N, C-alpha and C. Protein backbone atom coordinates (compact mmCIF):
# COMPACT_ATOMS: atom_id res chain seq x y z
N MET A 1 40.48 -0.16 70.84
CA MET A 1 39.16 0.35 71.80
C MET A 1 39.80 1.01 72.82
N SER A 2 38.95 1.97 73.38
CA SER A 2 39.30 2.85 74.50
C SER A 2 39.01 2.40 75.75
N GLN A 3 39.51 2.67 76.72
CA GLN A 3 39.12 1.87 78.33
C GLN A 3 37.13 2.19 78.32
N TRP A 4 37.33 3.29 78.01
CA TRP A 4 35.56 3.80 78.68
C TRP A 4 34.80 2.38 78.15
N ASN A 5 35.27 2.62 76.61
CA ASN A 5 34.08 1.69 75.62
C ASN A 5 34.21 0.54 76.17
N TRP A 6 35.58 -0.31 76.68
CA TRP A 6 35.31 -1.30 77.49
C TRP A 6 35.17 -1.36 78.58
N GLN A 7 35.25 -0.59 79.29
CA GLN A 7 34.54 -0.83 80.52
C GLN A 7 32.41 -0.47 80.18
N ASN A 8 32.12 -0.04 79.13
CA ASN A 8 30.42 0.01 79.28
C ASN A 8 29.66 -0.49 78.42
N ARG A 9 31.02 -1.62 77.69
CA ARG A 9 30.19 -2.18 76.79
C ARG A 9 29.30 -3.11 76.71
N ASN A 10 29.03 -3.54 78.67
CA ASN A 10 28.21 -4.28 79.07
C ASN A 10 27.06 -3.43 79.38
N LYS A 11 26.87 -2.32 79.55
CA LYS A 11 25.89 -1.75 80.14
C LYS A 11 24.67 -1.76 79.84
N PRO A 12 23.44 -2.18 79.64
CA PRO A 12 22.38 -1.92 79.48
C PRO A 12 21.95 -0.32 78.66
N VAL A 13 21.69 -0.54 77.84
CA VAL A 13 21.56 0.41 76.85
C VAL A 13 19.86 0.61 76.64
N ARG A 14 19.23 1.67 76.91
CA ARG A 14 18.26 2.05 76.87
C ARG A 14 17.48 2.75 75.49
N LEU A 15 17.24 2.53 74.56
CA LEU A 15 16.05 3.19 73.40
C LEU A 15 14.73 3.37 73.81
N THR A 16 14.61 4.69 73.53
CA THR A 16 13.27 5.05 73.52
C THR A 16 12.36 4.51 72.42
N LYS A 17 11.23 4.59 72.57
CA LYS A 17 10.16 3.65 71.48
C LYS A 17 10.46 4.34 69.84
N SER A 18 10.79 5.53 70.16
CA SER A 18 11.01 6.09 68.55
C SER A 18 12.49 5.68 67.78
N GLU A 19 13.58 5.71 68.50
CA GLU A 19 14.75 4.76 68.98
C GLU A 19 14.68 3.17 67.88
N ILE A 20 13.65 2.85 68.65
CA ILE A 20 13.30 1.34 68.35
C ILE A 20 12.73 1.11 67.21
N GLU A 21 11.80 2.16 66.85
CA GLU A 21 11.19 2.27 65.48
C GLU A 21 12.40 2.01 64.39
N VAL A 22 13.14 3.67 64.63
CA VAL A 22 13.83 3.51 63.48
C VAL A 22 14.94 2.57 63.33
N LEU A 23 15.34 2.15 64.31
CA LEU A 23 16.54 1.07 64.38
C LEU A 23 15.90 -0.27 63.62
N SER A 24 14.64 -0.67 64.00
CA SER A 24 14.13 -2.08 63.47
C SER A 24 13.66 -1.92 61.40
N LEU A 25 13.70 -0.31 61.21
CA LEU A 25 13.21 -0.37 60.08
C LEU A 25 14.92 0.02 59.10
N ILE A 26 15.88 0.38 60.14
CA ILE A 26 17.06 0.67 59.30
C ILE A 26 17.63 -1.16 59.66
N ALA A 27 17.77 -1.71 60.39
CA ALA A 27 18.20 -3.17 60.14
C ALA A 27 16.98 -3.66 59.04
N GLN A 28 16.10 -3.26 58.12
CA GLN A 28 16.23 -3.69 57.69
C GLN A 28 16.63 -3.55 55.68
N GLY A 29 16.94 -2.56 55.93
CA GLY A 29 17.99 -2.09 55.47
C GLY A 29 16.99 -0.29 54.67
N ARG A 30 16.46 0.37 55.02
CA ARG A 30 15.81 1.18 54.79
C ARG A 30 16.64 2.16 54.86
N SER A 31 16.73 3.42 53.96
CA SER A 31 17.31 4.72 53.58
C SER A 31 16.15 5.39 54.94
N SER A 32 16.98 6.45 55.35
CA SER A 32 16.31 7.55 56.00
C SER A 32 15.37 8.10 55.76
N GLN A 33 15.27 8.12 54.45
CA GLN A 33 13.68 8.51 54.17
C GLN A 33 12.56 7.98 53.96
N GLU A 34 13.15 6.47 53.46
CA GLU A 34 12.14 5.26 53.66
C GLU A 34 11.80 5.24 55.00
N VAL A 35 12.80 5.93 56.13
CA VAL A 35 11.84 4.92 57.57
C VAL A 35 11.31 6.86 57.70
N ALA A 36 11.55 7.55 57.47
CA ALA A 36 10.52 9.02 57.62
C ALA A 36 9.35 9.03 56.77
N ASP A 37 9.25 8.11 55.76
CA ASP A 37 7.91 7.99 55.22
C ASP A 37 7.12 6.86 55.66
N ALA A 38 7.68 5.79 55.96
CA ALA A 38 7.08 4.82 57.20
C ALA A 38 6.04 5.18 58.44
N LEU A 39 7.24 5.82 58.96
CA LEU A 39 6.78 6.65 60.16
C LEU A 39 6.09 7.89 60.24
N PHE A 40 5.64 8.21 59.03
CA PHE A 40 5.13 10.03 58.68
C PHE A 40 5.96 10.63 59.54
N ARG A 41 7.65 10.55 59.88
CA ARG A 41 7.62 11.68 60.32
C ARG A 41 8.69 12.42 59.42
N SER A 42 9.72 13.66 59.55
CA SER A 42 10.67 13.71 58.82
C SER A 42 11.64 12.73 58.57
N LYS A 43 12.47 13.46 57.53
CA LYS A 43 13.73 12.84 57.72
C LYS A 43 14.51 13.11 58.28
N ARG A 44 14.41 14.46 58.60
CA ARG A 44 15.43 15.03 59.81
C ARG A 44 15.14 14.85 61.26
N THR A 45 13.93 14.32 62.13
CA THR A 45 13.52 13.44 63.10
C THR A 45 14.00 12.56 62.68
N VAL A 46 14.03 11.52 62.29
CA VAL A 46 14.50 9.95 61.50
C VAL A 46 15.86 10.43 62.04
N ASP A 47 16.56 11.07 61.47
CA ASP A 47 17.84 11.35 61.73
C ASP A 47 18.43 11.98 62.85
N PHE A 48 17.64 12.90 63.73
CA PHE A 48 18.00 13.14 64.74
C PHE A 48 17.99 11.93 66.35
N HIS A 49 17.11 10.93 65.41
CA HIS A 49 16.49 9.38 66.22
C HIS A 49 18.26 9.10 65.88
N LEU A 50 18.29 8.50 65.11
CA LEU A 50 19.63 7.98 64.46
C LEU A 50 20.60 8.30 65.17
N ASP A 51 20.75 9.67 64.91
CA ASP A 51 22.22 10.40 66.15
C ASP A 51 22.16 9.60 67.66
N ASN A 52 21.11 9.45 67.87
CA ASN A 52 21.11 9.31 69.71
C ASN A 52 21.66 8.07 69.75
N ILE A 53 21.01 6.92 68.40
CA ILE A 53 21.14 5.49 68.92
C ILE A 53 22.32 5.63 68.66
N TYR A 54 23.40 5.75 67.83
CA TYR A 54 24.92 6.03 67.68
C TYR A 54 25.42 6.03 68.42
N LYS A 55 24.89 7.37 69.24
CA LYS A 55 25.71 7.73 70.78
C LYS A 55 25.57 6.72 71.50
N LYS A 56 24.07 6.13 72.00
CA LYS A 56 24.03 5.03 72.79
C LYS A 56 24.80 4.03 73.10
N LEU A 57 24.99 3.14 71.52
CA LEU A 57 25.23 2.50 71.42
C LEU A 57 27.40 2.68 71.00
N ASN A 58 27.79 3.48 70.89
CA ASN A 58 28.76 4.59 70.63
C ASN A 58 29.31 3.75 69.51
N VAL A 59 28.83 4.39 68.17
CA VAL A 59 29.07 3.89 67.24
C VAL A 59 28.90 4.70 65.42
N LYS A 60 29.78 4.28 64.95
CA LYS A 60 29.83 5.84 63.98
C LYS A 60 29.26 5.76 62.61
N ASN A 61 28.37 4.40 61.91
CA ASN A 61 27.93 4.44 60.77
C ASN A 61 26.93 2.92 61.33
N ARG A 62 26.12 2.78 60.10
CA ARG A 62 25.47 2.38 60.11
C ARG A 62 25.58 0.51 59.98
N VAL A 63 26.77 0.14 59.43
CA VAL A 63 27.27 -1.19 59.85
C VAL A 63 27.51 -1.73 61.34
N GLN A 64 28.45 -0.33 62.06
CA GLN A 64 28.63 -0.52 63.15
C GLN A 64 26.96 -0.79 64.09
N LEU A 65 26.73 -0.50 63.80
CA LEU A 65 25.32 0.24 64.52
C LEU A 65 24.36 -1.35 64.57
N LEU A 66 24.44 -1.68 63.11
CA LEU A 66 24.22 -3.04 62.96
C LEU A 66 24.67 -4.09 63.40
N ARG A 67 26.00 -4.08 63.86
CA ARG A 67 26.87 -5.42 64.39
C ARG A 67 26.53 -5.02 65.82
N ARG A 68 26.63 -3.75 66.29
CA ARG A 68 26.81 -3.42 68.03
C ARG A 68 24.97 -4.27 68.06
N ALA A 69 24.11 -4.02 67.70
CA ALA A 69 22.55 -3.83 67.95
C ALA A 69 22.61 -5.32 67.93
N LEU A 70 22.75 -5.92 66.84
CA LEU A 70 23.06 -7.73 66.94
C LEU A 70 23.47 -7.71 68.06
N GLN A 71 24.68 -7.88 68.92
CA GLN A 71 25.33 -8.37 69.70
C GLN A 71 24.86 -7.79 70.74
N LEU A 72 23.61 -6.48 71.39
CA LEU A 72 23.03 -6.58 72.41
C LEU A 72 21.90 -7.24 72.14
N GLY A 73 21.57 -7.94 71.38
CA GLY A 73 20.08 -8.53 71.27
C GLY A 73 19.21 -7.02 71.12
N LEU A 74 19.37 -5.93 70.54
CA LEU A 74 18.41 -5.40 70.39
C LEU A 74 17.40 -5.53 69.20
N ILE A 75 17.80 -5.87 68.14
CA ILE A 75 17.06 -6.27 66.97
C ILE A 75 17.54 -8.32 66.56
N PRO A 76 16.62 -8.93 66.32
CA PRO A 76 16.75 -10.30 65.80
C PRO A 76 17.40 -10.19 64.70
N VAL A 77 18.16 -11.43 64.63
CA VAL A 77 18.71 -11.97 63.38
C VAL A 77 17.44 -11.85 61.90
N GLU A 78 16.84 -11.87 62.65
CA GLU A 78 15.58 -12.50 61.08
C GLU A 78 14.92 -11.28 60.42
N SER A 79 15.10 -10.37 61.51
CA SER A 79 14.81 -8.75 60.39
C SER A 79 15.71 -8.53 59.51
N PHE A 80 17.02 -9.27 59.60
CA PHE A 80 18.01 -9.00 57.95
C PHE A 80 17.37 -10.20 57.29
N PHE A 81 16.42 -10.38 57.41
CA PHE A 81 15.91 -11.56 55.98
C PHE A 81 14.44 -11.47 56.05
N SER A 82 14.15 -10.58 56.40
CA SER A 82 12.71 -10.05 56.36
C SER A 82 12.45 -9.19 54.82
N GLU A 83 11.49 -9.00 54.42
CA GLU A 83 10.99 -8.74 52.88
C GLU A 83 10.59 -7.57 52.99
N THR A 84 11.00 -6.46 52.34
CA THR A 84 10.90 -5.04 52.40
C THR A 84 9.79 -5.17 51.52
N ALA A 85 8.83 -3.82 51.36
CA ALA A 85 7.41 -3.55 50.44
C ALA A 85 8.49 -2.85 49.44
N ASP A 86 8.74 -2.93 48.24
CA ASP A 86 9.83 -2.23 46.82
C ASP A 86 8.32 -1.65 46.63
């Protein structure tokens, strides 16, 4: 882990309302397209928000994203066990 990552590890992360919505649905295991459909947005918009979340949390993929979001308390553990509509 780089020095920058280590020093900024405990800095508060501020997500926008849209980023929180996207993160919550991603935590339920939904794809970008499923998130877009649920939020009535384009997949490109969802991917834009997801990219911003990745940058703010300093992660590179969804697994790292979910681990970091859990560590920071951005998503509750219960969201991993919630039912999704199929």
